Amino acid sequence: MRKIREVLRLKFEVGLSARQIAVSVQVGRVTVGDYLNRFAASRLSWPCSLSDAELEQKLFPPAPAVPS
């Protein structure tokens, strides 16, 4: 979870590109893009006052239950 917050910090506070963030955090560039897209879709703003668990829940909500 800590990597998500670090990706967001590097993007919004430092202004790095997705490629630079990926190298810095040691995740794939596509993963960085996914985190940034999910953050934009969540309509949250940076800096984010949510805890790590709350941030993860907002960006990765549970899948809807499918009736069997």
N, C-alpha and C. Protein backbone atom coordinates (compact mmCIF):
# COMPACT_ATOMS: atom_id res chain seq x y z
N MET A 1 0.82 -1.19 0.00
CA MET A 1 0.00 0.00 0.00
C MET A 1 0.86 1.26 0.00
N ARG A 2 1.98 1.18 0.66
CA ARG A 2 2.85 2.35 0.77
C ARG A 2 3.29 2.84 -0.60
N LYS A 3 3.38 1.96 -1.57
CA LYS A 3 3.81 2.37 -2.90
C LYS A 3 2.77 3.26 -3.58
N ILE A 4 1.51 3.04 -3.30
CA ILE A 4 0.47 3.87 -3.92
C ILE A 4 0.64 5.32 -3.46
N ARG A 5 0.79 5.51 -2.17
CA ARG A 5 0.97 6.86 -1.64
C ARG A 5 2.26 7.50 -2.20
N GLU A 6 3.31 6.71 -2.33
CA GLU A 6 4.57 7.23 -2.86
C GLU A 6 4.42 7.60 -4.33
N VAL A 7 3.70 6.81 -5.10
CA VAL A 7 3.44 7.14 -6.52
C VAL A 7 2.71 8.47 -6.60
N LEU A 8 1.69 8.64 -5.79
CA LEU A 8 0.92 9.89 -5.81
C LEU A 8 1.78 11.08 -5.37
N ARG A 9 2.60 10.89 -4.35
CA ARG A 9 3.47 11.96 -3.88
C ARG A 9 4.46 12.38 -4.97
N LEU A 10 5.07 11.40 -5.62
CA LEU A 10 6.04 11.72 -6.67
C LEU A 10 5.39 12.43 -7.85
N LYS A 11 4.16 12.08 -8.13
CA LYS A 11 3.45 12.72 -9.24
C LYS A 11 3.06 14.15 -8.90
N PHE A 12 2.41 14.34 -7.78
CA PHE A 12 1.81 15.64 -7.48
C PHE A 12 2.73 16.60 -6.74
N GLU A 13 3.65 16.11 -5.95
CA GLU A 13 4.54 17.01 -5.21
C GLU A 13 5.87 17.23 -5.94
N VAL A 14 6.39 16.18 -6.56
CA VAL A 14 7.69 16.28 -7.21
C VAL A 14 7.53 16.55 -8.71
N GLY A 15 6.42 16.08 -9.30
CA GLY A 15 6.17 16.34 -10.72
C GLY A 15 6.89 15.39 -11.66
N LEU A 16 7.20 14.19 -11.20
CA LEU A 16 7.88 13.22 -12.06
C LEU A 16 6.92 12.61 -13.08
N SER A 17 7.49 12.11 -14.16
CA SER A 17 6.70 11.41 -15.17
C SER A 17 6.41 9.99 -14.69
N ALA A 18 5.48 9.33 -15.35
CA ALA A 18 5.14 7.95 -14.98
C ALA A 18 6.36 7.04 -15.10
N ARG A 19 7.16 7.24 -16.10
CA ARG A 19 8.36 6.41 -16.28
C ARG A 19 9.35 6.65 -15.13
N GLN A 20 9.57 7.89 -14.76
CA GLN A 20 10.48 8.20 -13.65
C GLN A 20 9.96 7.64 -12.33
N ILE A 21 8.64 7.73 -12.13
CA ILE A 21 8.03 7.19 -10.91
C ILE A 21 8.21 5.67 -10.87
N ALA A 22 7.98 5.01 -12.00
CA ALA A 22 8.10 3.56 -12.06
C ALA A 22 9.51 3.11 -11.67
N VAL A 23 10.52 3.81 -12.16
CA VAL A 23 11.89 3.47 -11.82
C VAL A 23 12.15 3.73 -10.35
N SER A 24 11.69 4.84 -9.84
CA SER A 24 11.93 5.22 -8.45
C SER A 24 11.27 4.26 -7.47
N VAL A 25 10.03 3.86 -7.75
CA VAL A 25 9.26 3.02 -6.83
C VAL A 25 9.46 1.53 -7.13
N GLN A 26 10.07 1.24 -8.26
CA GLN A 26 10.32 -0.14 -8.69
C GLN A 26 9.04 -0.92 -8.93
N VAL A 27 8.14 -0.29 -9.68
CA VAL A 27 6.93 -0.95 -10.16
C VAL A 27 6.86 -0.68 -11.66
N GLY A 28 5.97 -1.38 -12.34
CA GLY A 28 5.83 -1.19 -13.77
C GLY A 28 5.19 0.15 -14.10
N ARG A 29 5.52 0.65 -15.28
CA ARG A 29 4.92 1.91 -15.75
C ARG A 29 3.42 1.80 -15.88
N VAL A 30 2.93 0.64 -16.29
CA VAL A 30 1.49 0.43 -16.41
C VAL A 30 0.82 0.49 -15.03
N THR A 31 1.50 -0.03 -14.02
CA THR A 31 0.98 0.02 -12.65
C THR A 31 0.88 1.46 -12.18
N VAL A 32 1.88 2.26 -12.47
CA VAL A 32 1.84 3.68 -12.11
C VAL A 32 0.65 4.35 -12.78
N GLY A 33 0.47 4.08 -14.07
CA GLY A 33 -0.67 4.64 -14.79
C GLY A 33 -2.00 4.20 -14.21
N ASP A 34 -2.07 2.94 -13.81
CA ASP A 34 -3.30 2.42 -13.21
C ASP A 34 -3.60 3.14 -11.90
N TYR A 35 -2.59 3.31 -11.05
CA TYR A 35 -2.78 4.02 -9.78
C TYR A 35 -3.25 5.45 -10.02
N LEU A 36 -2.63 6.13 -10.97
CA LEU A 36 -3.00 7.52 -11.25
C LEU A 36 -4.40 7.62 -11.84
N ASN A 37 -4.77 6.68 -12.72
CA ASN A 37 -6.13 6.68 -13.28
C ASN A 37 -7.17 6.40 -12.21
N ARG A 38 -6.89 5.45 -11.34
CA ARG A 38 -7.82 5.15 -10.25
C ARG A 38 -7.97 6.35 -9.30
N PHE A 39 -6.86 7.04 -9.05
CA PHE A 39 -6.92 8.22 -8.18
C PHE A 39 -7.77 9.31 -8.83
N ALA A 40 -7.60 9.53 -10.12
CA ALA A 40 -8.40 10.54 -10.82
C ALA A 40 -9.88 10.16 -10.82
N ALA A 41 -10.18 8.90 -11.02
CA ALA A 41 -11.57 8.44 -11.04
C ALA A 41 -12.22 8.53 -9.66
N SER A 42 -11.41 8.45 -8.62
CA SER A 42 -11.96 8.49 -7.25
C SER A 42 -12.37 9.90 -6.85
N ARG A 43 -11.94 10.90 -7.61
CA ARG A 43 -12.24 12.31 -7.35
C ARG A 43 -11.67 12.80 -6.01
N LEU A 44 -10.61 12.13 -5.55
CA LEU A 44 -9.91 12.60 -4.36
C LEU A 44 -8.94 13.69 -4.78
N SER A 45 -8.47 14.48 -3.83
CA SER A 45 -7.49 15.51 -4.14
C SER A 45 -6.21 15.25 -3.35
N TRP A 46 -5.14 15.79 -3.86
CA TRP A 46 -3.84 15.63 -3.20
C TRP A 46 -3.48 16.95 -2.55
N PRO A 47 -3.00 16.99 -1.34
CA PRO A 47 -2.63 15.87 -0.48
C PRO A 47 -3.86 15.18 0.09
N CYS A 48 -3.74 13.92 0.28
CA CYS A 48 -4.85 13.08 0.72
C CYS A 48 -4.71 12.80 2.22
N SER A 49 -5.74 13.11 2.97
CA SER A 49 -5.68 12.94 4.42
C SER A 49 -6.16 11.56 4.87
N LEU A 50 -6.51 10.70 3.93
CA LEU A 50 -6.97 9.35 4.27
C LEU A 50 -5.81 8.49 4.76
N SER A 51 -6.13 7.51 5.57
CA SER A 51 -5.11 6.54 5.98
C SER A 51 -4.77 5.66 4.78
N ASP A 52 -3.71 4.89 4.90
CA ASP A 52 -3.32 3.99 3.80
C ASP A 52 -4.44 3.01 3.48
N ALA A 53 -5.08 2.46 4.52
CA ALA A 53 -6.15 1.49 4.30
C ALA A 53 -7.36 2.15 3.62
N GLU A 54 -7.71 3.35 4.04
CA GLU A 54 -8.84 4.06 3.43
C GLU A 54 -8.54 4.42 1.98
N LEU A 55 -7.32 4.85 1.72
CA LEU A 55 -6.92 5.18 0.35
C LEU A 55 -7.00 3.96 -0.54
N GLU A 56 -6.50 2.84 -0.05
CA GLU A 56 -6.56 1.60 -0.82
C GLU A 56 -8.01 1.19 -1.10
N GLN A 57 -8.88 1.36 -0.11
CA GLN A 57 -10.29 1.00 -0.28
C GLN A 57 -10.96 1.90 -1.32
N LYS A 58 -10.60 3.18 -1.35
CA LYS A 58 -11.18 4.10 -2.33
C LYS A 58 -10.70 3.78 -3.75
N LEU A 59 -9.41 3.43 -3.87
CA LEU A 59 -8.87 3.17 -5.19
C LEU A 59 -9.17 1.76 -5.69
N PHE A 60 -9.31 0.81 -4.78
CA PHE A 60 -9.57 -0.58 -5.13
C PHE A 60 -10.80 -1.07 -4.37
N PRO A 61 -12.00 -0.60 -4.74
CA PRO A 61 -13.20 -1.03 -4.02
C PRO A 61 -13.45 -2.51 -4.25
N PRO A 62 -14.12 -3.16 -3.30
CA PRO A 62 -14.41 -4.59 -3.48
C PRO A 62 -15.32 -4.81 -4.68
N ALA A 63 -15.13 -5.93 -5.32
CA ALA A 63 -15.97 -6.27 -6.47
C ALA A 63 -17.41 -6.48 -6.01
N PRO A 64 -18.38 -6.05 -6.80
CA PRO A 64 -19.77 -6.25 -6.41
C PRO A 64 -20.11 -7.74 -6.34
N ALA A 65 -20.94 -8.07 -5.39
CA ALA A 65 -21.34 -9.47 -5.22
C ALA A 65 -22.25 -9.89 -6.38
N VAL A 66 -21.96 -11.02 -6.95
CA VAL A 66 -22.74 -11.55 -8.06
C VAL A 66 -23.61 -12.67 -7.52
N PRO A 67 -24.93 -12.55 -7.65
CA PRO A 67 -25.79 -13.64 -7.15
C PRO A 67 -25.55 -14.93 -7.92
N SER A 68 -25.52 -16.01 -7.21
CA SER A 68 -25.26 -17.29 -7.87
C SER A 68 -26.52 -18.01 -8.25
